Amino acid sequence: GPSPLRAAAAAAAAAAAAAAWMSDAVSAGTGGSGAVGSWLGASTVRKQYQAIPSVGGGQGIALDRPSVASQLSALLTPGRGGSARGLGEKAISKPSYDDGHESSESDGESVAPYEGEPLDEDLYGVSISSFLRDLRKVVTGHGNFCLRLSRLMVHISLLGALVSLQCFLIYEMRVMVCPDHVHTIRAMYDKFEAWMYDNHTWVTEYDDRRGLDGFWDETRFHSMPKEDQEAICALPLAHPYFAFCILLIWTFTVIVDIRRLSFLIKLLIGRVPTVATVYDIFRHDDDERNGRPIREEGKVILVGLTLGIKAVLLLFVFVPRLVVNTILLWLGCRWLVATDNLEDMFLNAVALEFVLNLKELIYLAVIPMRNKVETQELLIPMNVQERAGYLSYLGAFGWLVLGILWVYLYIFHLQGVLVNYKWDIRAACRLAPHVHWASG
C-alpha cells in the first residue's frame, strides 16, 4: 500500500490545486486581474508540485483540476452527487427558529434555557455579593482576614443604615406629614357636606359631618365662597380617574421592587442547592492553594448556599425589604389621597419614589468600583428550561391585574382619609365651570 509520506504529499498537492482552481473562479469576472490571478494560482501549484519529492522512486502525482473542481462543487452544494457532507451537512443539520430557542417536539413551541441570573446593581446586590465572598474568605482563613472582615462589616453596616433610614422616613411621614394632610382634607369635606346638605348631617366616628340622603341641594354650591369652591374641587377624590392613574403609577413603582424581591427569594432560597460548608458555595479548584472561585467567561458561578446563609438572607435582608415595601405602598397611597391639590400630588409621588430608590442612590454614590465589578460578575445558577406556554408568556401580567385591583380596592373601599365619602364633590364641581380644577 502507499506509504504515509506519499499520502500526505498527495493531500498537500490536492489542496494546492483546489486553491488554484478557486482563485481562477473568483478572478474570472474581474477583467484584467483574472489573468494575473490564474497565472499566480497555476504558478503556485507548479512550485508546490515540484517541491514534492517522488516517493519510492515512483513518478510524480498527477492532478486533474476539473476533477477537483467537480468534487468541491459536490461538497459545497447539497443534493448534487449524493447527500451533503462536511460543510454542507453542518449548515443544514440543525434548523434555526425565529425565536432563537430549541423546538419542543410535542407541540412545536420553543424551550428557553435560563442558565444564570446576576445580582442587582444596588446596595442589596453588593451586600449579598460581599457577604458570600468575604464570609467564605473569613471562615476558611484564605486571603487577608482583616481586609475581608472590614469590607463585610462595612456593607452590613450600610445595609442596616439603609433600612434604618427608610424606616425613619416612613415613621416621620406617618406621624408628622400624613396627619396634617388628613386633618386638612377632612375639615374641608366636613364644611362642604354641612353647606351642601344645609346642615342635615350625621356625625362619623371621627366627629366629621356627612350629609343625609335626600337633603342634597346642588344650587347651594354657587353661593359657597369661591376660595372654598376651588379648594374642595382641587382634592384628589374630586377627580377619581386622575387619582386612580397616579396611585396606579405609584403601585407599579412598588411592584417592580416586590417582584424582583420575590424572584430573588425564589431563586436564592428555593432553587439554589443547599451545600454542607461555606467553602463549597462557589465553584472552585481543589488543587488551588487558596481555593479561589473559578471564573468562567468572566463570571463567578454560585454553586449553593448553606442553610445558615439562606436563613440570614431571608430574615435579615429579604423580610425587612418586603416589610418596607409593603408599608411604603400603603402609606404612599394614603399620603397621595390626602394631598389637598393635584399639583402637590405629582410632587409627593416623586418624593415617595425617592425613598424607595435609596438603595440605588447609595450604591452609585459610595460603593467602590472594585466592589461593583465583583457584584456584576457573580452569577446565580438557575438551570431552568422553560417551555413556551400560557404561564411563561402571560403569567407576569398577573402583576398588572394585582396592581389595578389594589388601587380600585383602596380608593373605593380601603382609604381612611375621608371615611364614609359620598362621592359628591365631583358632581358639585361640574356646576362651576369657572373653577379650573373641575375640568380634570
Foldseek 3Di string as FASTA:
>chain_A
DDDPLVVVLVVVLLVLLLVLVVQLVVLVPVPPCNVVSNVVSVVSSVVSQVVRDDPPPDDGDDDDSVVSVVVVVPACDAPPPDGHDDPVCVVPVDDADPVRADADPPPRFGKDWDFWDFFDLFLLLLLLLLCLVLVLCCVVVFDDNVVSVVVNVVSVVVLVVLLVVLVVVLVCCVPPNLVVLLVVLQVLVLVVQCQQLVNQWDADPVRGTHHDPPRGDLVSLVVPDPVSLLQLLFACLLPVVVLLVLLLVLLVLLVVVVVVLVVCLCQQVPQQDADDDSLQQWDFDPPDPRGDADADPLATEGRHHHPVSSVCCVPPPRVSLVVSSVSLSVSLSQSLNSDRGDVVSVVSSVVSSCSNCVRRVCSVPDPDPVSSSSSRRYIRTDRDIGTDDCCVVPVVCVSVVVSSVVSVCCSPPNHPSHPPDPSCSLVSSVVPVVNVSNVD
